[in-house]
Amino acid sequence: MEKIAMGLLSFMPEEKKDVKKLQQTIKEYETNSDWHLFLWKEDDILGAVGLREEDDLNIVIQHVSVNPSHRNIGIGKRMVNEVRKLYQHKYVVSATDELQQFQNKCDESGKQDQQD
């Protein structure tokens, strides 16, 4: 699954143009026990969400990537919300500066879903 993960992460702006950086990122996910990469599968693998545990209370979402042909249908938001559910009892979930705007959209969407 490494090639699929690399392909998905290559869509991230900070990884896109630097193959060495992308390889280092994948290696970090493979070797660092505090880094976790989840692949989102429906019929095919459509996305990836990566996070790191900073300490016993904090988790940071650092990568969210969706296959371009499946964007704008809510997959990224579903991935972020599933990570939040997965870590809801142990961690405060935040995002890197680059992903904070996207996480804010997920927050707004989640609040709206609860009101409906």
PDB file of N, CA and C in Angstrom:
ATOM      1  N   MET A   1       0.810  -1.205   0.000  1.00  0.00           N
ATOM      2  CA  MET A   1       0.000   0.000   0.000  1.00  0.00           C
ATOM      3  C   MET A   1       0.858   1.277   0.000  1.00  0.00           C
ATOM      4  N   GLU A   2       2.162   1.099   0.109  1.00  0.00           N
ATOM      5  CA  GLU A   2       3.049   2.263   0.163  1.00  0.00           C
ATOM      6  C   GLU A   2       2.913   3.139  -1.080  1.00  0.00           C
ATOM      7  N   LYS A   3       2.825   2.523  -2.259  1.00  0.00           N
ATOM      8  CA  LYS A   3       2.722   3.317  -3.492  1.00  0.00           C
ATOM      9  C   LYS A   3       1.406   4.078  -3.548  1.00  0.00           C
ATOM     10  N   ILE A   4       0.330   3.456  -3.073  1.00  0.00           N
ATOM     11  CA  ILE A   4      -0.966   4.148  -3.041  1.00  0.00           C
ATOM     12  C   ILE A   4      -0.889   5.329  -2.093  1.00  0.00           C
ATOM     13  N   ALA A   5      -0.324   5.105  -0.910  1.00  0.00           N
ATOM     14  CA  ALA A   5      -0.184   6.190   0.073  1.00  0.00           C
ATOM     15  C   ALA A   5       0.676   7.319  -0.491  1.00  0.00           C
ATOM     16  N   MET A   6       1.781   6.968  -1.130  1.00  0.00           N
ATOM     17  CA  MET A   6       2.637   8.000  -1.726  1.00  0.00           C
ATOM     18  C   MET A   6       1.888   8.785  -2.795  1.00  0.00           C
ATOM     19  N   GLY A   7       1.125   8.081  -3.607  1.00  0.00           N
ATOM     20  CA  GLY A   7       0.350   8.756  -4.646  1.00  0.00           C
ATOM     21  C   GLY A   7      -0.634   9.746  -4.057  1.00  0.00           C
ATOM     22  N   LEU A   8      -1.345   9.337  -3.016  1.00  0.00           N
ATOM     23  CA  LEU A   8      -2.309  10.234  -2.387  1.00  0.00           C
ATOM     24  C   LEU A   8      -1.626  11.419  -1.716  1.00  0.00           C
ATOM     25  N   LEU A   9      -0.537  11.157  -0.990  1.00  0.00           N
ATOM     26  CA  LEU A   9       0.164  12.256  -0.321  1.00  0.00           C
ATOM     27  C   LEU A   9       0.822  13.205  -1.314  1.00  0.00           C
ATOM     28  N   SER A  10       1.103  12.720  -2.509  1.00  0.00           N
ATOM     29  CA  SER A  10       1.727  13.598  -3.510  1.00  0.00           C
ATOM     30  C   SER A  10       0.796  14.721  -3.951  1.00  0.00           C
ATOM     31  N   PHE A  11      -0.504  14.613  -3.637  1.00  0.00           N
ATOM     32  CA  PHE A  11      -1.446  15.684  -3.958  1.00  0.00           C
ATOM     33  C   PHE A  11      -1.395  16.819  -2.934  1.00  0.00           C
ATOM     34  N   MET A  12      -0.733  16.595  -1.814  1.00  0.00           N
ATOM     35  CA  MET A  12      -0.618  17.632  -0.788  1.00  0.00           C
ATOM     36  C   MET A  12       0.346  18.713  -1.285  1.00  0.00           C
ATOM     37  N   PRO A  13      -0.012  19.975  -1.154  1.00  0.00           N
ATOM     38  CA  PRO A  13       0.845  21.049  -1.677  1.00  0.00           C
ATOM     39  C   PRO A  13       2.284  21.007  -1.178  1.00  0.00           C
ATOM     40  N   GLU A  14       2.487  20.705   0.107  1.00  0.00           N
ATOM     41  CA  GLU A  14       3.846  20.710   0.652  1.00  0.00           C
ATOM     42  C   GLU A  14       4.651  19.487   0.236  1.00  0.00           C
ATOM     43  N   GLU A  15       4.006  18.471  -0.309  1.00  0.00           N
ATOM     44  CA  GLU A  15       4.698  17.249  -0.731  1.00  0.00           C
ATOM     45  C   GLU A  15       4.829  17.170  -2.254  1.00  0.00           C
ATOM     46  N   LYS A  16       3.983  17.889  -2.938  1.00  0.00           N
ATOM     47  CA  LYS A  16       3.765  17.739  -4.375  1.00  0.00           C
ATOM     48  C   LYS A  16       5.021  17.790  -5.243  1.00  0.00           C
ATOM     49  N   LYS A  17       5.870  18.732  -5.022  1.00  0.00           N
ATOM     50  CA  LYS A  17       6.968  18.951  -5.960  1.00  0.00           C
ATOM     51  C   LYS A  17       8.317  18.440  -5.464  1.00  0.00           C
ATOM     52  N   ASP A  18       8.306  17.769  -4.320  1.00  0.00           N
ATOM     53  CA  ASP A  18       9.565  17.344  -3.739  1.00  0.00           C
ATOM     54  C   ASP A  18       9.512  15.851  -3.419  1.00  0.00           C
ATOM     55  N   VAL A  19      10.020  15.028  -4.335  1.00  0.00           N
ATOM     56  CA  VAL A  19       9.965  13.576  -4.196  1.00  0.00           C
ATOM     57  C   VAL A  19      10.717  13.118  -2.954  1.00  0.00           C
ATOM     58  N   LYS A  20      11.864  13.745  -2.668  1.00  0.00           N
ATOM     59  CA  LYS A  20      12.630  13.374  -1.467  1.00  0.00           C
ATOM     60  C   LYS A  20      11.817  13.620  -0.198  1.00  0.00           C
ATOM     61  N   LYS A  21      11.132  14.750  -0.140  1.00  0.00           N
ATOM     62  CA  LYS A  21      10.304  15.066   1.023  1.00  0.00           C
ATOM     63  C   LYS A  21       9.172  14.055   1.148  1.00  0.00           C
ATOM     64  N   LEU A  22       8.569  13.691   0.041  1.00  0.00           N
ATOM     65  CA  LEU A  22       7.495  12.706   0.044  1.00  0.00           C
ATOM     66  C   LEU A  22       8.001  11.353   0.560  1.00  0.00           C
ATOM     67  N   GLN A  23       9.164  10.943   0.098  1.00  0.00           N
ATOM     68  CA  GLN A  23       9.756   9.687   0.567  1.00  0.00           C
ATOM     69  C   GLN A  23      10.059   9.746   2.065  1.00  0.00           C
ATOM     70  N   GLN A  24      10.551  10.883   2.534  1.00  0.00           N
ATOM     71  CA  GLN A  24      10.829  11.049   3.963  1.00  0.00           C
ATOM     72  C   GLN A  24       9.539  10.982   4.784  1.00  0.00           C
ATOM     73  N   THR A  25       8.482  11.584   4.267  1.00  0.00           N
ATOM     74  CA  THR A  25       7.195  11.563   4.958  1.00  0.00           C
ATOM     75  C   THR A  25       6.679  10.132   5.083  1.00  0.00           C
ATOM     76  N   ILE A  26       6.720   9.375   4.006  1.00  0.00           N
ATOM     77  CA  ILE A  26       6.267   7.981   4.043  1.00  0.00           C
ATOM     78  C   ILE A  26       7.117   7.175   5.014  1.00  0.00           C
ATOM     79  N   LYS A  27       8.423   7.385   4.982  1.00  0.00           N
ATOM     80  CA  LYS A  27       9.319   6.665   5.903  1.00  0.00           C
ATOM     81  C   LYS A  27       8.979   6.991   7.357  1.00  0.00           C
ATOM     82  N   GLU A  28       8.655   8.252   7.618  1.00  0.00           N
ATOM     83  CA  GLU A  28       8.286   8.660   8.975  1.00  0.00           C
ATOM     84  C   GLU A  28       7.020   7.928   9.421  1.00  0.00           C
ATOM     85  N   TYR A  29       6.034   7.815   8.534  1.00  0.00           N
ATOM     86  CA  TYR A  29       4.815   7.074   8.869  1.00  0.00           C
ATOM     87  C   TYR A  29       5.128   5.596   9.135  1.00  0.00           C
ATOM     88  N   GLU A  30       6.086   5.049   8.425  1.00  0.00           N
ATOM     89  CA  GLU A  30       6.426   3.635   8.586  1.00  0.00           C
ATOM     90  C   GLU A  30       7.225   3.367   9.862  1.00  0.00           C
ATOM     91  N   THR A  31       8.041   4.319  10.287  1.00  0.00           N
ATOM     92  CA  THR A  31       8.985   4.048  11.369  1.00  0.00           C
ATOM     93  C   THR A  31       8.666   4.740  12.699  1.00  0.00           C
ATOM     94  N   ASN A  32       7.914   5.802  12.677  1.00  0.00           N
ATOM     95  CA  ASN A  32       7.643   6.562  13.895  1.00  0.00           C
ATOM     96  C   ASN A  32       6.327   6.080  14.504  1.00  0.00           C
ATOM     97  N   SER A  33       6.392   5.551  15.707  1.00  0.00           N
ATOM     98  CA  SER A  33       5.190   5.002  16.349  1.00  0.00           C
ATOM     99  C   SER A  33       4.163   6.070  16.723  1.00  0.00           C
ATOM    100  N   ASP A  34       4.540   7.329  16.659  1.00  0.00           N
ATOM    101  CA  ASP A  34       3.607   8.422  16.949  1.00  0.00           C
ATOM    102  C   ASP A  34       2.918   8.958  15.688  1.00  0.00           C
ATOM    103  N   TRP A  35       3.305   8.473  14.528  1.00  0.00           N
ATOM    104  CA  TRP A  35       2.706   8.899  13.264  1.00  0.00           C
ATOM    105  C   TRP A  35       1.824   7.772  12.747  1.00  0.00           C
ATOM    106  N   HIS A  36       0.601   8.121  12.315  1.00  0.00           N
ATOM    107  CA  HIS A  36      -0.356   7.125  11.830  1.00  0.00           C
ATOM    108  C   HIS A  36      -0.981   7.606  10.523  1.00  0.00           C
ATOM    109  N   LEU A  37      -1.010   6.724   9.548  1.00  0.00           N
ATOM    110  CA  LEU A  37      -1.603   7.043   8.248  1.00  0.00           C
ATOM    111  C   LEU A  37      -2.742   6.061   7.999  1.00  0.00           C
ATOM    112  N   PHE A  38      -3.929   6.602   7.760  1.00  0.00           N
ATOM    113  CA  PHE A  38      -5.115   5.801   7.483  1.00  0.00           C
ATOM    114  C   PHE A  38      -5.547   6.024   6.044  1.00  0.00           C
ATOM    115  N   LEU A  39      -5.872   4.946   5.361  1.00  0.00           N
ATOM    116  CA  LEU A  39      -6.385   5.033   4.001  1.00  0.00           C
ATOM    117  C   LEU A  39      -7.898   4.887   4.046  1.00  0.00           C
ATOM    118  N   TRP A  40      -8.590   5.676   3.243  1.00  0.00           N
ATOM    119  CA  TRP A  40     -10.049   5.656   3.184  1.00  0.00           C
ATOM    120  C   TRP A  40     -10.454   4.832   1.973  1.00  0.00           C
ATOM    121  N   LYS A  41     -11.220   3.760   2.241  1.00  0.00           N
ATOM    122  CA  LYS A  41     -11.618   2.866   1.159  1.00  0.00           C
ATOM    123  C   LYS A  41     -13.127   2.788   1.085  1.00  0.00           C
ATOM    124  N   GLU A  42     -13.627   2.951  -0.109  1.00  0.00           N
ATOM    125  CA  GLU A  42     -15.025   2.662  -0.405  1.00  0.00           C
ATOM    126  C   GLU A  42     -14.957   1.482  -1.376  1.00  0.00           C
ATOM    127  N   ASP A  43     -15.204   1.681  -2.661  1.00  0.00           N
ATOM    128  CA  ASP A  43     -14.935   0.601  -3.617  1.00  0.00           C
ATOM    129  C   ASP A  43     -13.437   0.497  -3.873  1.00  0.00           C
ATOM    130  N   ASP A  44     -12.785   1.631  -3.945  1.00  0.00           N
ATOM    131  CA  ASP A  44     -11.337   1.732  -4.097  1.00  0.00           C
ATOM    132  C   ASP A  44     -10.808   2.608  -2.968  1.00  0.00           C
ATOM    133  N   ILE A  45      -9.489   2.689  -2.869  1.00  0.00           N
ATOM    134  CA  ILE A  45      -8.893   3.608  -1.895  1.00  0.00           C
ATOM    135  C   ILE A  45      -8.989   5.012  -2.489  1.00  0.00           C
ATOM    136  N   LEU A  46      -9.711   5.879  -1.792  1.00  0.00           N
ATOM    137  CA  LEU A  46     -10.007   7.213  -2.314  1.00  0.00           C
ATOM    138  C   LEU A  46      -9.267   8.327  -1.607  1.00  0.00           C
ATOM    139  N   GLY A  47      -8.737   8.053  -0.412  1.00  0.00           N
ATOM    140  CA  GLY A  47      -8.103   9.122   0.328  1.00  0.00           C
ATOM    141  C   GLY A  47      -7.192   8.603   1.424  1.00  0.00           C
ATOM    142  N   ALA A  48      -6.495   9.553   2.030  1.00  0.00           N
ATOM    143  CA  ALA A  48      -5.599   9.242   3.146  1.00  0.00           C
ATOM    144  C   ALA A  48      -5.661  10.381   4.143  1.00  0.00           C
ATOM    145  N   VAL A  49      -5.559  10.021   5.407  1.00  0.00           N
ATOM    146  CA  VAL A  49      -5.473  11.017   6.467  1.00  0.00           C
ATOM    147  C   VAL A  49      -4.329  10.582   7.382  1.00  0.00           C
ATOM    148  N   GLY A  50      -3.427  11.528   7.646  1.00  0.00           N
ATOM    149  CA  GLY A  50      -2.264  11.245   8.475  1.00  0.00           C
ATOM    150  C   GLY A  50      -2.253  12.118   9.704  1.00  0.00           C
ATOM    151  N   LEU A  51      -1.831  11.537  10.811  1.00  0.00           N
ATOM    152  CA  LEU A  51      -1.789  12.282  12.057  1.00  0.00           C
ATOM    153  C   LEU A  51      -0.569  11.898  12.864  1.00  0.00           C
ATOM    154  N   ARG A  52      -0.286  12.736  13.844  1.00  0.00           N
ATOM    155  CA  ARG A  52       0.802  12.431  14.771  1.00  0.00           C
ATOM    156  C   ARG A  52       0.326  12.706  16.188  1.00  0.00           C
ATOM    157  N   GLU A  53       0.746  11.845  17.081  1.00  0.00           N
ATOM    158  CA  GLU A  53       0.463  12.019  18.501  1.00  0.00           C
ATOM    159  C   GLU A  53       1.583  12.862  19.074  1.00  0.00           C
ATOM    160  N   GLU A  54       1.231  14.013  19.615  1.00  0.00           N
ATOM    161  CA  GLU A  54       2.247  14.898  20.181  1.00  0.00           C
ATOM    162  C   GLU A  54       2.570  14.541  21.621  1.00  0.00           C
ATOM    163  N   ASP A  55       1.567  14.134  22.373  1.00  0.00           N
ATOM    164  CA  ASP A  55       1.742  13.718  23.760  1.00  0.00           C
ATOM    165  C   ASP A  55       0.495  12.914  24.137  1.00  0.00           C
ATOM    166  N   ASP A  56       0.279  12.692  25.434  1.00  0.00           N
ATOM    167  CA  ASP A  56      -0.851  11.870  25.862  1.00  0.00           C
ATOM    168  C   ASP A  56      -2.211  12.510  25.616  1.00  0.00           C
ATOM    169  N   LEU A  57      -2.246  13.793  25.342  1.00  0.00           N
ATOM    170  CA  LEU A  57      -3.514  14.486  25.173  1.00  0.00           C
ATOM    171  C   LEU A  57      -3.764  15.032  23.778  1.00  0.00           C
ATOM    172  N   ASN A  58      -2.736  15.247  22.999  1.00  0.00           N
ATOM    173  CA  ASN A  58      -2.888  15.976  21.736  1.00  0.00           C
ATOM    174  C   ASN A  58      -2.539  15.126  20.533  1.00  0.00           C
ATOM    175  N   ILE A  59      -3.391  15.255  19.538  1.00  0.00           N
ATOM    176  CA  ILE A  59      -3.149  14.617  18.245  1.00  0.00           C
ATOM    177  C   ILE A  59      -3.308  15.699  17.188  1.00  0.00           C
ATOM    178  N   VAL A  60      -2.447  15.673  16.179  1.00  0.00           N
ATOM    179  CA  VAL A  60      -2.469  16.688  15.134  1.00  0.00           C
ATOM    180  C   VAL A  60      -2.690  16.009  13.784  1.00  0.00           C
ATOM    181  N   ILE A  61      -3.739  16.425  13.101  1.00  0.00           N
ATOM    182  CA  ILE A  61      -3.970  15.950  11.740  1.00  0.00           C
ATOM    183  C   ILE A  61      -3.031  16.744  10.850  1.00  0.00           C
ATOM    184  N   GLN A  62      -2.159  16.042  10.135  1.00  0.00           N
ATOM    185  CA  GLN A  62      -1.149  16.737   9.341  1.00  0.00           C
ATOM    186  C   GLN A  62      -1.277  16.500   7.848  1.00  0.00           C
ATOM    187  N   HIS A  63      -2.022  15.503   7.445  1.00  0.00           N
ATOM    188  CA  HIS A  63      -2.247  15.251   6.018  1.00  0.00           C
ATOM    189  C   HIS A  63      -3.699  14.826   5.804  1.00  0.00           C
ATOM    190  N   VAL A  64      -4.340  15.425   4.828  1.00  0.00           N
ATOM    191  CA  VAL A  64      -5.650  14.985   4.350  1.00  0.00           C
ATOM    192  C   VAL A  64      -5.578  15.090   2.836  1.00  0.00           C
ATOM    193  N   SER A  65      -5.762  13.954   2.177  1.00  0.00           N
ATOM    194  CA  SER A  65      -5.654  13.953   0.724  1.00  0.00           C
ATOM    195  C   SER A  65      -6.714  13.036   0.133  1.00  0.00           C
ATOM    196  N   VAL A  66      -7.380  13.522  -0.902  1.00  0.00           N
ATOM    197  CA  VAL A  66      -8.418  12.762  -1.592  1.00  0.00           C
ATOM    198  C   VAL A  66      -8.056  12.698  -3.066  1.00  0.00           C
ATOM    199  N   ASN A  67      -8.258  11.531  -3.655  1.00  0.00           N
ATOM    200  CA  ASN A  67      -8.048  11.358  -5.093  1.00  0.00           C
ATOM    201  C   ASN A  67      -8.807  12.466  -5.823  1.00  0.00           C
ATOM    202  N   PRO A  68      -8.144  13.188  -6.728  1.00  0.00           N
ATOM    203  CA  PRO A  68      -8.790  14.330  -7.398  1.00  0.00           C
ATOM    204  C   PRO A  68     -10.117  13.992  -8.075  1.00  0.00           C
ATOM    205  N   SER A  69     -10.287  12.795  -8.570  1.00  0.00           N
ATOM    206  CA  SER A  69     -11.550  12.458  -9.244  1.00  0.00           C
ATOM    207  C   SER A  69     -12.686  12.186  -8.257  1.00  0.00           C
ATOM    208  N   HIS A  70     -12.402  12.228  -6.959  1.00  0.00           N
ATOM    209  CA  HIS A  70     -13.428  12.006  -5.940  1.00  0.00           C
ATOM    210  C   HIS A  70     -13.520  13.170  -4.952  1.00  0.00           C
ATOM    211  N   ARG A  71     -13.064  14.331  -5.354  1.00  0.00           N
ATOM    212  CA  ARG A  71     -13.090  15.499  -4.464  1.00  0.00           C
ATOM    213  C   ARG A  71     -14.445  16.197  -4.510  1.00  0.00           C
ATOM    214  N   ASN A  72     -14.662  17.023  -3.506  1.00  0.00           N
ATOM    215  CA  ASN A  72     -15.862  17.860  -3.390  1.00  0.00           C
ATOM    216  C   ASN A  72     -17.145  17.069  -3.195  1.00  0.00           C
ATOM    217  N   ILE A  73     -17.015  15.866  -2.617  1.00  0.00           N
ATOM    218  CA  ILE A  73     -18.205  15.085  -2.281  1.00  0.00           C
ATOM    219  C   ILE A  73     -18.203  14.688  -0.801  1.00  0.00           C
ATOM    220  N   GLY A  74     -17.308  15.291  -0.022  1.00  0.00           N
ATOM    221  CA  GLY A  74     -17.322  15.095   1.418  1.00  0.00           C
ATOM    222  C   GLY A  74     -16.406  14.021   1.976  1.00  0.00           C
ATOM    223  N   ILE A  75     -15.575  13.412   1.155  1.00  0.00           N
ATOM    224  CA  ILE A  75     -14.699  12.345   1.645  1.00  0.00           C
ATOM    225  C   ILE A  75     -13.694  12.888   2.653  1.00  0.00           C
ATOM    226  N   GLY A  76     -13.082  14.014   2.378  1.00  0.00           N
ATOM    227  CA  GLY A  76     -12.115  14.600   3.311  1.00  0.00           C
ATOM    228  C   GLY A  76     -12.754  14.888   4.664  1.00  0.00           C
ATOM    229  N   LYS A  77     -13.945  15.465   4.664  1.00  0.00           N
ATOM    230  CA  LYS A  77     -14.649  15.749   5.913  1.00  0.00           C
ATOM    231  C   LYS A  77     -14.969  14.460   6.660  1.00  0.00           C
ATOM    232  N   ARG A  78     -15.407  13.437   5.939  1.00  0.00           N
ATOM    233  CA  ARG A  78     -15.709  12.156   6.595  1.00  0.00           C
ATOM    234  C   ARG A  78     -14.457  11.556   7.220  1.00  0.00           C
ATOM    235  N   MET A  79     -13.315  11.667   6.521  1.00  0.00           N
ATOM    236  CA  MET A  79     -12.072  11.137   7.078  1.00  0.00           C
ATOM    237  C   MET A  79     -11.703  11.863   8.370  1.00  0.00           C
ATOM    238  N   VAL A  80     -11.752  13.184   8.355  1.00  0.00           N
ATOM    239  CA  VAL A  80     -11.421  13.968   9.549  1.00  0.00           C
ATOM    240  C   VAL A  80     -12.377  13.629  10.687  1.00  0.00           C
ATOM    241  N   ASN A  81     -13.652  13.523  10.392  1.00  0.00           N
ATOM    242  CA  ASN A  81     -14.624  13.208  11.440  1.00  0.00           C
ATOM    243  C   ASN A  81     -14.423  11.803  12.000  1.00  0.00           C
ATOM    244  N   GLU A  82     -14.032  10.860  11.168  1.00  0.00           N
ATOM    245  CA  GLU A  82     -13.751   9.503  11.656  1.00  0.00           C
ATOM    246  C   GLU A  82     -12.516   9.487  12.561  1.00  0.00           C
ATOM    247  N   VAL A  83     -11.503  10.264  12.210  1.00  0.00           N
ATOM    248  CA  VAL A  83     -10.324  10.364  13.077  1.00  0.00           C
ATOM    249  C   VAL A  83     -10.730  10.950  14.425  1.00  0.00           C
ATOM    250  N   ARG A  84     -11.560  11.967  14.404  1.00  0.00           N
ATOM    251  CA  ARG A  84     -12.026  12.567  15.658  1.00  0.00           C
ATOM    252  C   ARG A  84     -12.766  11.544  16.513  1.00  0.00           C
ATOM    253  N   LYS A  85     -13.638  10.761  15.874  1.00  0.00           N
ATOM    254  CA  LYS A  85     -14.368   9.724  16.617  1.00  0.00           C
ATOM    255  C   LYS A  85     -13.405   8.692  17.186  1.00  0.00           C
ATOM    256  N   LEU A  86     -12.445   8.289  16.388  1.00  0.00           N
ATOM    257  CA  LEU A  86     -11.492   7.268  16.796  1.00  0.00           C
ATOM    258  C   LEU A  86     -10.696   7.699  18.030  1.00  0.00           C
ATOM    259  N   TYR A  87     -10.374   8.985  18.108  1.00  0.00           N
ATOM    260  CA  TYR A  87      -9.541   9.502  19.192  1.00  0.00           C
ATOM    261  C   TYR A  87     -10.303  10.378  20.177  1.00  0.00           C
ATOM    262  N   GLN A  88     -11.611  10.347  20.156  1.00  0.00           N
ATOM    263  CA  GLN A  88     -12.397  11.276  20.977  1.00  0.00           C
ATOM    264  C   GLN A  88     -12.197  11.121  22.479  1.00  0.00           C
ATOM    265  N   HIS A  89     -11.898   9.936  22.966  1.00  0.00           N
ATOM    266  CA  HIS A  89     -11.784   9.740  24.406  1.00  0.00           C
ATOM    267  C   HIS A  89     -10.375   9.973  24.945  1.00  0.00           C
ATOM    268  N   LYS A  90      -9.411  10.047  24.059  1.00  0.00           N
ATOM    269  CA  LYS A  90      -8.031  10.162  24.516  1.00  0.00           C
ATOM    270  C   LYS A  90      -7.375  11.487  24.172  1.00  0.00           C
ATOM    271  N   TYR A  91      -7.771  12.105  23.092  1.00  0.00           N
ATOM    272  CA  TYR A  91      -6.977  13.194  22.548  1.00  0.00           C
ATOM    273  C   TYR A  91      -7.774  14.449  22.258  1.00  0.00           C
ATOM    274  N   VAL A  92      -7.088  15.545  22.292  1.00  0.00           N
ATOM    275  CA  VAL A  92      -7.573  16.788  21.727  1.00  0.00           C
ATOM    276  C   VAL A  92      -7.075  16.792  20.286  1.00  0.00           C
ATOM    277  N   VAL A  93      -7.989  16.841  19.343  1.00  0.00           N
ATOM    278  CA  VAL A  93      -7.606  16.758  17.934  1.00  0.00           C
ATOM    279  C   VAL A  93      -7.508  18.163  17.365  1.00  0.00           C
ATOM    280  N   SER A  94      -6.368  18.462  16.761  1.00  0.00           N
ATOM    281  CA  SER A  94      -6.162  19.739  16.098  1.00  0.00           C
ATOM    282  C   SER A  94      -5.562  19.466  14.726  1.00  0.00           C
ATOM    283  N   ALA A  95      -5.214  20.511  14.034  1.00  0.00           N
ATOM    284  CA  ALA A  95      -4.646  20.369  12.694  1.00  0.00           C
ATOM    285  C   ALA A  95      -3.425  21.257  12.556  1.00  0.00           C
ATOM    286  N   THR A  96      -2.577  20.916  11.583  1.00  0.00           N
ATOM    287  CA  THR A  96      -1.449  21.783  11.275  1.00  0.00           C
ATOM    288  C   THR A  96      -1.995  23.103  10.741  1.00  0.00           C
ATOM    289  N   ASP A  97      -1.154  24.109  10.716  1.00  0.00           N
ATOM    290  CA  ASP A  97      -1.578  25.410  10.192  1.00  0.00           C
ATOM    291  C   ASP A  97      -2.131  25.281   8.782  1.00  0.00           C
ATOM    292  N   GLU A  98      -1.495  24.438   7.957  1.00  0.00           N
ATOM    293  CA  GLU A  98      -1.922  24.270   6.563  1.00  0.00           C
ATOM    294  C   GLU A  98      -3.312  23.654   6.462  1.00  0.00           C
ATOM    295  N   LEU A  99      -3.712  22.849   7.447  1.00  0.00           N
ATOM    296  CA  LEU A  99      -5.003  22.162   7.393  1.00  0.00           C
ATOM    297  C   LEU A  99      -6.065  22.777   8.295  1.00  0.00           C
ATOM    298  N   GLN A 100      -5.713  23.828   9.027  1.00  0.00           N
ATOM    299  CA  GLN A 100      -6.656  24.412   9.982  1.00  0.00           C
ATOM    300  C   GLN A 100      -7.915  24.919   9.294  1.00  0.00           C
ATOM    301  N   GLN A 101      -7.796  25.564   8.155  1.00  0.00           N
ATOM    302  CA  GLN A 101      -8.969  26.077   7.449  1.00  0.00           C
ATOM    303  C   GLN A 101      -9.896  24.928   7.054  1.00  0.00           C
ATOM    304  N   PHE A 102      -9.316  23.823   6.576  1.00  0.00           N
ATOM    305  CA  PHE A 102     -10.128  22.668   6.209  1.00  0.00           C
ATOM    306  C   PHE A 102     -10.810  22.092   7.452  1.00  0.00           C
ATOM    307  N   GLN A 103     -10.094  21.993   8.558  1.00  0.00           N
ATOM    308  CA  GLN A 103     -10.695  21.461   9.786  1.00  0.00           C
ATOM    309  C   GLN A 103     -11.828  22.361  10.256  1.00  0.00           C
ATOM    310  N   ASN A 104     -11.680  23.674  10.112  1.00  0.00           N
ATOM    311  CA  ASN A 104     -12.755  24.590  10.477  1.00  0.00           C
ATOM    312  C   ASN A 104     -14.005  24.318   9.650  1.00  0.00           C
ATOM    313  N   LYS A 105     -13.843  24.011   8.366  1.00  0.00           N
ATOM    314  CA  LYS A 105     -14.987  23.665   7.519  1.00  0.00           C
ATOM    315  C   LYS A 105     -15.641  22.382   8.018  1.00  0.00           C
ATOM    316  N   CYS A 106     -14.829  21.419   8.439  1.00  0.00           N
ATOM    317  CA  CYS A 106     -15.372  20.171   8.988  1.00  0.00           C
ATOM    318  C   CYS A 106     -16.158  20.456  10.259  1.00  0.00           C
ATOM    319  N   ASP A 107     -15.652  21.365  11.101  1.00  0.00           N
ATOM    320  CA  ASP A 107     -16.350  21.752  12.332  1.00  0.00           C
ATOM    321  C   ASP A 107     -17.708  22.358  12.000  1.00  0.00           C
ATOM    322  N   GLU A 108     -17.735  23.279  11.028  1.00  0.00           N
ATOM    323  CA  GLU A 108     -18.982  23.936  10.642  1.00  0.00           C
ATOM    324  C   GLU A 108     -19.971  22.922  10.099  1.00  0.00           C
ATOM    325  N   SER A 109     -19.497  22.006   9.272  1.00  0.00           N
ATOM    326  CA  SER A 109     -20.334  20.979   8.687  1.00  0.00           C
ATOM    327  C   SER A 109     -20.904  20.067   9.764  1.00  0.00           C
ATOM    328  N   GLY A 110     -20.070  19.695  10.750  1.00  0.00           N
ATOM    329  CA  GLY A 110     -20.521  18.828  11.825  1.00  0.00           C
ATOM    330  C   GLY A 110     -21.591  19.481  12.684  1.00  0.00           C
ATOM    331  N   LYS A 111     -21.442  20.780  12.975  1.00  0.00           N
ATOM    332  CA  LYS A 111     -22.431  21.511  13.747  1.00  0.00           C
ATOM    333  C   LYS A 111     -23.753  21.568  12.996  1.00  0.00           C
ATOM    334  N   GLN A 112     -23.683  21.793  11.695  1.00  0.00           N
ATOM    335  CA  GLN A 112     -24.890  21.883  10.882  1.00  0.00           C
ATOM    336  C   GLN A 112     -25.581  20.523  10.852  1.00  0.00           C
ATOM    337  N   ASP A 113     -24.841  19.430  10.738  1.00  0.00           N
ATOM    338  CA  ASP A 113     -25.425  18.092  10.722  1.00  0.00           C
ATOM    339  C   ASP A 113     -26.138  17.798  12.036  1.00  0.00           C
ATOM    340  N   GLN A 114     -25.597  18.275  13.159  1.00  0.00           N
ATOM    341  CA  GLN A 114     -26.210  18.034  14.456  1.00  0.00           C
ATOM    342  C   GLN A 114     -27.512  18.809  14.598  1.00  0.00           C
ATOM    343  N   GLN A 115     -27.630  19.957  13.933  1.00  0.00           N
ATOM    344  CA  GLN A 115     -28.849  20.772  14.024  1.00  0.00           C
ATOM    345  C   GLN A 115     -29.954  20.221  13.147  1.00  0.00           C
ATOM    346  N   ASP A 116     -29.605  19.543  12.067  1.00  0.00           N
ATOM    347  CA  ASP A 116     -30.617  19.040  11.123  1.00  0.00           C
ATOM    348  C   ASP A 116     -31.364  17.838  11.674  1.00  0.00           C
TER     349      ASP A 116
END
